């Protein structure tokens, strides 16, 4: 096992990484994630033995690093830095051959085994057709793959890869990570990979370490570490987490690189009945149209709850997978009472959330205008043996307005809000 134990590391005696503990086991892919400047590269350099720790220790298979000569260490640990190879006239094949130096008696004593390792590494990185080209003739992405091929040719038990997907297109990013995943499993090689793409880490890593301001804040499986609240703390960006339908792994989205639209305090207020992901597009449309938005009742872990939290909307929540309680319903009534309109997103209704539709009936009785986005008949979204349909028909009979697109929905709301404002003035 490769292990950093309470390692602090930095430059000119100033620590960048503080008391980091991290390990990589054979057959395991570990992703190191964090914002720019968080200490990822510094920690990898300490593990690669190119940077001596200021404190703490690094261990290789139960022995401290100092117990290994440089050559013996290089037979066990291969490192591919971010920097691409220098333009010194070497061909791709010659550069990849440099990864074989721990196994050679002299620089020019390449054996048949060495060339086999080189050709295998070139094939794994899809560089075989470029073997005779010089580095100056390659793109940035191709140079990055040469770095990786050189590390693979080393045939070490541990690979330390600093942003190997940088400069790569989508095909080569996913292909590289897929190949690393297979290589780790088939060869029993431990892989530590620095990544910026949270979704690549989620899909291909067994273990994730999240580093921020030089300290590892969390370690665990992708499901454990890739939590929106934690990611928002680290990246200072609202994050939505869903599930990849093909793999079941977390799928992350940055909701907005900037702050969401902030309507003025005197803007009209819409309370949105949402759930199951149906509300998110309505939130955005209303905010963009200049409405203040609140929402509920939403179960914790529901997609619409995560979006509402990320957008900093006032919202009423209930425990995961629980029906709406009296307390949550009463709080939703109080919030809906302050709204200028109640909007029903295209939500499927079951017994667990039927009270949200009852809330709309109650609000309508209080004189609140009701609007609904609906492209499907309510019968196709009714999983209550007709109870939701009966409430829907009651809402329609008492004046609920229905729109079949977001544009028509916001147009209805704006028209009626303008009319109400004119009457009041």
Protein backbone atom coordinates (compact mmCIF):
# COMPACT_ATOMS: atom_id res chain seq x y z
CA UNK A 1 0.00 0.00 0.00
CA UNK A 2 1.12 3.56 -0.76
CA UNK A 3 0.39 5.86 2.17
CA UNK A 4 0.88 9.45 3.25
CA UNK A 5 0.60 9.78 7.02
CA UNK A 6 -0.02 13.24 8.51
CA UNK A 7 2.03 14.78 5.70
CA UNK A 8 2.61 18.50 5.53
CA UNK A 9 4.37 19.72 2.40
CA UNK A 10 5.14 22.96 0.66
CA UNK A 11 7.86 25.21 -0.67
CA UNK A 12 10.54 27.34 1.03
CA UNK A 13 9.49 25.85 4.37
CA UNK A 14 5.96 27.22 3.93
CA UNK A 15 3.36 24.43 4.05
CA UNK A 16 0.75 24.19 1.32
CA UNK A 17 -0.60 20.81 2.46
CA UNK A 18 -1.37 20.30 6.13
CA UNK A 19 -1.36 16.93 7.94
CA UNK A 20 -2.78 14.95 5.03
CA UNK A 21 -3.38 11.25 5.38
CA UNK A 22 -4.17 9.32 2.21
CA UNK A 23 -3.59 5.80 0.96
CA UNK A 24 -3.80 3.89 -2.30
CA UNK A 25 -4.16 0.11 -2.41
CA UNK A 26 -3.30 -2.20 -5.34
CA UNK A 27 -6.28 -2.55 -7.68
CA UNK A 28 -7.84 0.69 -6.44
CA UNK A 29 -8.46 3.99 -8.26
CA UNK A 30 -8.33 6.96 -5.90
CA UNK A 31 -9.34 10.41 -7.17
CA UNK A 32 -7.95 13.53 -5.53
CA UNK A 33 -10.34 16.44 -6.03
CA UNK A 34 -10.27 20.09 -5.04
CA UNK A 35 -10.28 23.64 -6.40
CA UNK A 36 -7.29 25.27 -8.03
CA UNK A 37 -4.59 25.99 -5.48
CA UNK A 38 -5.96 23.56 -2.91
CA UNK A 39 -2.74 21.52 -2.69
CA UNK A 40 -3.47 18.56 -4.97
CA UNK A 41 -0.24 18.75 -6.97
CA UNK A 42 1.85 19.39 -3.86
CA UNK A 43 0.47 16.29 -2.15
CA UNK A 44 1.05 14.15 -5.25
CA UNK A 45 4.64 15.42 -5.53
CA UNK A 46 5.26 14.38 -1.92
CA UNK A 47 3.87 10.93 -2.68
CA UNK A 48 5.97 10.77 -5.86
CA UNK A 49 9.12 11.54 -3.83
CA UNK A 50 9.90 14.64 -5.88
CA UNK A 51 9.09 16.88 -2.91
CA UNK A 52 10.28 16.09 0.58
CA UNK A 53 7.56 16.51 3.24
CA UNK A 54 8.00 19.18 5.89
CA UNK A 55 6.36 16.85 8.41
CA UNK A 56 4.81 13.40 8.47
CA UNK A 57 5.89 10.31 6.58
CA UNK A 58 5.22 8.46 3.34
CA UNK A 59 5.19 4.68 3.26
CA UNK A 60 5.50 2.16 0.45
CA UNK A 61 4.32 -1.36 1.22
CA UNK A 62 4.96 -0.90 4.91
CA UNK A 63 8.43 0.63 4.60
CA UNK A 64 9.34 4.33 4.79
CA UNK A 65 10.37 5.97 1.53
CA UNK A 66 13.94 6.42 2.79
CA UNK A 67 14.34 2.64 2.84
CA UNK A 68 14.23 2.60 -0.99
CA UNK A 69 16.93 3.69 -3.40
CA UNK A 70 15.68 5.99 -6.19
CA UNK A 71 15.81 3.13 -8.71
CA UNK A 72 14.07 0.65 -6.41
CA UNK A 73 11.39 3.24 -5.69
CA UNK A 74 10.88 3.94 -9.41
CA UNK A 75 10.26 0.25 -10.05
CA UNK A 76 7.32 0.49 -7.67
CA UNK A 77 5.96 4.01 -8.22
CA UNK A 78 5.47 5.85 -11.53
CA UNK A 79 4.61 9.53 -11.67
CA UNK A 80 3.11 11.49 -14.56
CA UNK A 81 3.20 15.24 -13.78
CA UNK A 82 1.09 17.94 -15.38
CA UNK A 83 4.03 19.26 -17.39
CA UNK A 84 4.28 17.93 -20.92
CA UNK A 85 7.65 16.65 -22.21
CA UNK A 86 10.19 19.24 -23.33
CA UNK A 87 10.82 19.70 -27.05
CA UNK A 88 14.31 18.16 -27.31
CA UNK A 89 13.96 16.32 -30.60
CA UNK A 90 12.94 12.95 -29.09
CA UNK A 91 10.33 10.85 -30.79
CA UNK A 92 7.24 9.70 -28.92
CA UNK A 93 8.62 6.16 -28.70
CA UNK A 94 11.92 7.41 -27.28
CA UNK A 95 10.14 9.49 -24.67
CA UNK A 96 8.00 6.55 -23.62
CA UNK A 97 11.13 4.39 -23.44
CA UNK A 98 12.43 6.77 -20.76
CA UNK A 99 9.88 5.20 -18.47
CA UNK A 100 11.88 1.98 -18.63
CA UNK A 101 15.00 3.42 -17.00
CA UNK A 102 14.46 1.68 -13.61
CA UNK A 103 14.58 -1.67 -15.40
CA UNK A 104 17.65 -0.99 -17.58
CA UNK A 105 21.33 -1.33 -16.90
CA UNK A 106 22.11 1.65 -19.11
CA UNK A 107 20.15 4.28 -20.99
CA UNK A 108 20.73 2.70 -24.39
CA UNK A 109 20.42 -0.92 -23.27
CA UNK A 110 16.77 -1.39 -24.22
CA UNK A 111 15.78 -5.04 -24.21
CA UNK A 112 13.00 -6.81 -26.03
CA UNK A 113 10.95 -6.63 -22.82
CA UNK A 114 11.49 -2.87 -22.75
CA UNK A 115 10.22 -2.43 -26.30
CA UNK A 116 7.24 -4.67 -25.59
CA UNK A 117 6.36 -2.50 -22.61
CA UNK A 118 6.71 0.64 -24.75
CA UNK A 119 4.50 -0.71 -27.55
CA UNK A 120 1.91 -1.83 -25.01
CA UNK A 121 1.87 1.60 -23.37
CA UNK A 122 1.52 3.31 -26.75
CA UNK A 123 -1.41 1.08 -27.62
CA UNK A 124 -3.11 1.71 -24.27
CA UNK A 125 -2.92 5.46 -24.82
CA UNK A 126 -3.84 5.32 -28.54
CA UNK A 127 -0.45 6.70 -29.58
CA UNK A 128 0.94 3.84 -31.67
CA UNK A 129 0.43 5.74 -34.92
CA UNK A 130 2.44 8.68 -33.54
CA UNK A 131 5.42 6.65 -32.30
CA UNK A 132 7.90 8.18 -34.74
CA UNK A 133 6.75 11.77 -34.46
CA UNK A 134 8.65 14.28 -32.35
CA UNK A 135 6.96 15.93 -29.42
CA UNK A 136 6.91 19.27 -31.27
CA UNK A 137 4.50 17.77 -33.80
CA UNK A 138 1.87 16.83 -31.18
CA UNK A 139 -1.15 18.61 -29.80
CA UNK A 140 -1.50 19.40 -26.10
CA UNK A 141 -3.76 16.41 -25.56
CA UNK A 142 -1.37 14.08 -27.38
CA UNK A 143 1.53 15.31 -25.26
CA UNK A 144 -0.50 14.62 -22.15
CA UNK A 145 -1.03 11.04 -23.31
CA UNK A 146 2.72 10.67 -23.91
CA UNK A 147 3.21 11.54 -20.21
CA UNK A 148 0.80 8.79 -19.26
CA UNK A 149 2.34 6.28 -21.68
CA UNK A 150 5.76 6.87 -20.17
CA UNK A 151 4.35 6.14 -16.70
CA UNK A 152 2.58 3.01 -17.95
CA UNK A 153 5.77 1.75 -19.59
CA UNK A 154 7.40 1.88 -16.17
CA UNK A 155 5.13 -1.05 -15.16
CA UNK A 156 5.08 0.07 -11.56
CA UNK A 157 2.69 -1.15 -8.87
CA UNK A 158 1.44 2.38 -8.22
CA UNK A 159 0.59 5.17 -10.67
CA UNK A 160 0.47 8.81 -9.56
CA UNK A 161 -1.19 10.89 -12.28
CA UNK A 162 -1.55 14.65 -12.01
CA UNK A 163 -4.47 15.79 -14.17
CA UNK A 164 -3.99 13.20 -16.94
CA UNK A 165 -7.25 14.30 -18.61
CA UNK A 166 -6.11 17.92 -19.08
CA UNK A 167 -6.25 19.03 -22.73
CA UNK A 168 -8.12 15.84 -23.72
CA UNK A 169 -11.40 15.82 -25.61
CA UNK A 170 -14.48 14.02 -24.27
CA UNK A 171 -13.70 10.74 -26.05
CA UNK A 172 -10.13 10.56 -24.79
CA UNK A 173 -11.10 11.61 -21.26
CA UNK A 174 -13.61 8.80 -20.86
CA UNK A 175 -11.46 6.30 -22.74
CA UNK A 176 -8.44 7.10 -20.58
CA UNK A 177 -10.38 6.73 -17.34
CA UNK A 178 -12.00 3.52 -18.54
CA UNK A 179 -8.60 2.09 -19.45
CA UNK A 180 -7.13 3.12 -16.09
CA UNK A 181 -10.04 1.47 -14.31
CA UNK A 182 -9.46 -1.79 -16.21
CA UNK A 183 -5.67 -1.56 -15.84
CA UNK A 184 -5.94 -1.15 -12.07
CA UNK A 185 -8.22 -4.15 -11.73
CA UNK A 186 -6.47 -6.49 -14.15
CA UNK A 187 -2.88 -5.68 -13.14
CA UNK A 188 -3.55 -5.04 -9.43
CA UNK A 189 -2.07 -1.57 -9.77
CA UNK A 190 -2.97 1.25 -7.39
CA UNK A 191 -3.83 4.49 -9.18
CA UNK A 192 -3.99 7.97 -7.66
CA UNK A 193 -5.38 10.46 -10.14
CA UNK A 194 -5.81 14.21 -9.72
CA UNK A 195 -8.99 15.37 -11.45
CA UNK A 196 -11.07 18.50 -11.82
CA UNK A 197 -14.08 16.76 -13.38
CA UNK A 198 -16.32 15.57 -10.53
CA UNK A 199 -18.30 13.29 -12.82
CA UNK A 200 -15.22 11.47 -14.12
CA UNK A 201 -14.21 10.87 -10.51
CA UNK A 202 -17.71 9.70 -9.64
CA UNK A 203 -17.92 7.19 -12.48
CA UNK A 204 -14.42 5.71 -12.35
CA UNK A 205 -12.96 6.11 -8.86
CA UNK A 206 -13.36 3.62 -6.02
CA UNK A 207 -12.37 6.22 -3.44
CA UNK A 208 -12.37 10.02 -3.44
CA UNK A 209 -10.37 12.43 -1.31
CA UNK A 210 -11.57 16.05 -1.31
CA UNK A 211 -8.91 18.62 -0.45
CA UNK A 212 -9.50 22.29 0.29
CA UNK A 213 -7.00 24.93 1.39
CA UNK A 214 -4.39 22.22 1.93
CA UNK A 215 -6.51 19.99 4.16
CA UNK A 216 -8.36 16.83 3.25
CA UNK A 217 -11.95 17.56 4.25
CA UNK A 218 -13.52 14.24 3.33
CA UNK A 219 -12.64 10.78 2.07
CA UNK A 220 -14.86 7.90 1.05
CA UNK A 221 -16.82 6.41 -1.82
CA UNK A 222 -18.22 8.73 -4.49
CA UNK A 223 -21.65 8.40 -2.87
CA UNK A 224 -20.24 9.48 0.49
CA UNK A 225 -18.05 12.38 -0.61
CA UNK A 226 -19.93 13.95 -3.51
CA UNK A 227 -22.56 15.60 -1.32
CA UNK A 228 -23.95 18.93 -2.56
CA UNK A 229 -23.55 20.72 0.79
CA UNK A 230 -19.89 19.72 1.04
CA UNK A 231 -19.14 20.53 -2.60
CA UNK A 232 -20.83 23.91 -2.28
CA UNK A 233 -18.62 24.65 0.74
CA UNK A 234 -15.46 23.75 -1.21
CA UNK A 235 -16.25 25.14 -4.67
CA UNK A 236 -18.47 28.08 -3.65
CA UNK A 237 -20.97 27.09 -6.33
CA UNK A 238 -24.50 25.67 -5.99
CA UNK A 239 -24.45 21.98 -6.94
CA UNK A 240 -27.24 19.65 -7.98
CA UNK A 241 -26.75 15.92 -7.49
CA UNK A 242 -28.70 13.36 -9.46
CA UNK A 243 -28.13 9.69 -10.28
CA UNK A 244 -26.55 8.46 -13.50
CA UNK A 245 -29.26 6.18 -14.95
CA UNK A 246 -26.66 3.86 -16.51
CA UNK A 247 -24.30 3.38 -13.56
CA UNK A 248 -26.22 4.46 -10.48
CA UNK A 249 -23.31 6.76 -9.55
CA UNK A 250 -23.75 10.40 -8.51
CA UNK A 251 -24.06 12.87 -11.36
CA UNK A 252 -23.16 16.47 -10.47
CA UNK A 253 -24.20 19.74 -12.06
CA UNK A 254 -23.11 23.27 -11.21
CA UNK A 255 -26.41 25.11 -11.21
CA UNK A 256 -25.01 28.53 -12.01
CA UNK A 257 -21.54 30.01 -12.19
CA UNK A 258 -22.96 33.24 -10.79
CA UNK A 259 -25.62 34.16 -8.30
CA UNK A 260 -29.18 33.31 -9.38
CA UNK A 261 -31.46 36.18 -10.41
CA UNK A 262 -32.46 38.20 -7.37
CA UNK A 263 -35.83 39.92 -7.82
CA UNK A 264 -36.38 43.09 -5.78
CA UNK A 265 -38.15 42.78 -2.41
CA UNK A 266 -41.34 44.30 -3.82
CA UNK A 267 -41.51 41.82 -6.73
CA UNK A 268 -44.60 39.58 -6.90
CA UNK A 269 -44.31 36.34 -4.95
CA UNK A 270 -45.17 32.89 -6.33
CA UNK A 271 -45.44 29.77 -4.19
CA UNK A 272 -44.62 26.69 -6.30
CA UNK A 273 -46.01 23.22 -5.66
CA UNK A 274 -43.15 21.02 -6.84
CA UNK A 275 -41.43 17.68 -6.35
CA UNK A 276 -39.51 14.95 -8.14
CA UNK A 277 -37.58 17.39 -10.31
CA UNK A 278 -40.65 18.98 -11.89
CA UNK A 279 -40.19 22.27 -10.09
CA UNK A 280 -36.64 23.23 -11.03
CA UNK A 281 -37.48 24.60 -14.47
CA UNK A 282 -40.40 26.54 -12.99
CA UNK A 283 -38.15 28.11 -10.34
CA UNK A 284 -35.72 29.34 -12.98
CA UNK A 285 -38.44 30.63 -15.30
CA UNK A 286 -40.16 32.59 -12.53
CA UNK A 287 -36.91 34.04 -11.17
CA UNK A 288 -35.88 35.09 -14.68
CA UNK A 289 -39.29 36.73 -15.13
CA UNK A 290 -38.75 38.81 -12.00
CA UNK A 291 -40.82 36.84 -9.47
CA UNK A 292 -39.83 35.99 -5.92
CA UNK A 293 -40.21 32.25 -5.44
CA UNK A 294 -40.94 29.98 -2.49
CA UNK A 295 -41.81 26.30 -2.62
CA UNK A 296 -42.89 23.19 -0.70
CA UNK A 297 -43.59 20.72 0.71
CA UNK A 298 -40.50 18.86 -0.52
CA UNK A 299 -38.81 15.79 0.86
CA UNK A 300 -35.16 16.13 1.78
CA UNK A 301 -32.96 14.57 -0.96
CA UNK A 302 -35.63 15.36 -3.57
CA UNK A 303 -34.12 17.03 -6.63
CA UNK A 304 -36.39 20.06 -6.30
CA UNK A 305 -35.38 20.43 -2.65
CA UNK A 306 -31.71 20.46 -3.64
CA UNK A 307 -32.36 23.04 -6.35
CA UNK A 308 -34.42 25.21 -4.00
CA UNK A 309 -31.64 25.11 -1.44
CA UNK A 310 -28.99 25.90 -4.04
CA UNK A 311 -31.06 28.85 -5.31
CA UNK A 312 -31.60 29.94 -1.71
CA UNK A 313 -35.37 29.83 -2.02
CA UNK A 314 -37.55 29.77 1.04
CA UNK A 315 -38.95 26.25 1.11
CA UNK A 316 -40.76 23.82 3.37
CA UNK A 317 -39.20 20.36 3.79
CA UNK A 318 -40.22 16.96 5.06
CA UNK A 319 -38.10 13.96 5.98
CA UNK A 320 -36.96 11.72 3.08
CA UNK A 321 -39.59 9.30 1.76
CA UNK A 322 -42.12 10.50 4.37
CA UNK A 323 -45.68 11.71 3.75
CA UNK A 324 -46.42 15.36 4.46
CA UNK A 325 -46.89 15.87 8.18
CA UNK A 326 -49.37 18.25 9.81
CA UNK A 327 -46.52 20.50 10.90
CA UNK A 328 -45.03 20.79 7.39
CA UNK A 329 -48.48 21.33 5.88
CA UNK A 330 -49.27 24.15 8.31
CA UNK A 331 -45.96 25.86 7.60
CA UNK A 332 -46.66 25.57 3.87
CA UNK A 333 -50.06 27.18 4.43
CA UNK A 334 -48.42 30.11 6.21
CA UNK A 335 -45.93 30.58 3.36
CA UNK A 336 -48.55 30.20 0.62
CA UNK A 337 -50.71 32.76 2.42
CA UNK A 338 -48.03 35.41 1.79
CA UNK A 339 -47.85 34.65 -1.96
CA UNK A 340 -49.51 36.57 -4.77
CA UNK A 341 -50.08 33.36 -6.73
CA UNK A 342 -49.71 29.61 -6.35
CA UNK A 343 -48.15 27.68 -9.23
CA UNK A 344 -48.41 23.90 -9.62
CA UNK A 345 -45.51 22.31 -11.51
CA UNK A 346 -46.11 19.18 -13.58
CA UNK A 347 -45.81 16.92 -10.55
CA UNK A 348 -46.88 13.27 -10.31
CA UNK A 349 -49.19 12.90 -7.30
CA UNK A 350 -49.22 9.93 -4.96
CA UNK A 351 -50.51 9.46 -1.47
CA UNK A 352 -47.26 10.87 -0.05
CA UNK A 353 -47.61 14.31 -1.66
CA UNK A 354 -51.37 14.58 -2.25
CA UNK A 355 -51.56 17.17 0.51
CA UNK A 356 -49.67 19.58 -1.77
CA UNK A 357 -52.68 19.50 -4.10
CA UNK A 358 -54.98 19.92 -1.10
CA UNK A 359 -52.87 22.98 -0.22
CA UNK A 360 -53.69 24.45 -3.64
CA UNK A 361 -57.42 23.89 -3.03
CA UNK A 362 -57.09 25.59 0.36
CA UNK A 363 -55.18 28.54 -1.12
CA UNK A 364 -57.79 28.95 -3.84
CA UNK A 365 -60.48 29.13 -1.17
CA UNK A 366 -58.47 31.92 0.45
CA UNK A 367 -58.69 33.90 -2.78
CA UNK A 368 -55.26 33.05 -4.19
CA UNK A 369 -55.07 32.71 -7.99
CA UNK A 370 -53.90 29.23 -9.01
CA UNK A 371 -51.83 28.44 -12.10
CA UNK A 372 -50.57 25.09 -13.38
CA UNK A 373 -48.01 23.92 -15.90
CA UNK A 374 -49.42 20.82 -17.58
CA UNK A 375 -48.47 19.10 -20.82
CA UNK A 376 -49.91 15.75 -19.71
CA UNK A 377 -53.44 15.02 -18.53
CA UNK A 378 -53.69 14.85 -14.76
CA UNK A 379 -54.92 11.27 -15.09
CA UNK A 380 -51.46 10.22 -16.30
CA UNK A 381 -49.87 11.76 -13.20
CA UNK A 382 -52.45 10.51 -10.71
CA UNK A 383 -51.32 7.57 -8.57
CA UNK A 384 -54.02 7.98 -5.92
CA UNK A 385 -56.92 6.05 -7.48
CA UNK A 386 -58.50 9.27 -8.70
CA UNK A 387 -58.15 11.45 -5.59
CA UNK A 388 -55.67 13.80 -7.30
CA UNK A 389 -57.86 14.03 -10.40
CA UNK A 390 -60.88 15.04 -8.33
CA UNK A 391 -58.90 17.79 -6.61
CA UNK A 392 -57.57 18.95 -10.00
CA UNK A 393 -61.08 19.15 -11.43
CA UNK A 394 -62.17 21.15 -8.40
CA UNK A 395 -59.33 23.61 -8.99
CA UNK A 396 -60.29 23.96 -12.65
CA UNK A 397 -63.94 24.49 -11.83
CA UNK A 398 -62.98 27.34 -9.49
CA UNK A 399 -60.80 29.18 -11.98
CA UNK A 400 -57.34 27.56 -12.07
CA UNK A 401 -55.51 28.61 -15.26
CA UNK A 402 -53.46 25.96 -17.08
CA UNK A 403 -50.52 26.58 -19.44
CA UNK A 404 -48.82 24.04 -21.68
CA UNK A 405 -45.43 25.80 -21.71
CA UNK A 406 -43.26 27.87 -19.40
CA UNK A 407 -43.59 30.85 -21.73
CA UNK A 408 -47.38 30.77 -21.53
CA UNK A 409 -47.25 30.21 -17.79
CA UNK A 410 -45.08 33.26 -17.11
CA UNK A 411 -47.14 35.31 -19.58
CA UNK A 412 -50.33 34.48 -17.66
CA UNK A 413 -48.72 35.35 -14.35
CA UNK A 414 -47.27 38.62 -15.63
CA UNK A 415 -50.55 39.64 -17.27
CA UNK A 416 -52.55 39.05 -14.12
CA UNK A 417 -49.92 40.66 -11.87
CA UNK A 418 -49.92 43.76 -14.08
CA UNK A 419 -53.71 43.91 -14.02
CA UNK A 420 -53.75 43.58 -10.24
CA UNK A 421 -51.12 46.31 -9.90
CA UNK A 422 -53.16 48.64 -12.11
CA UNK A 423 -56.28 48.07 -10.04
CA UNK A 424 -54.42 48.81 -6.82
CA UNK A 425 -52.94 52.02 -8.19
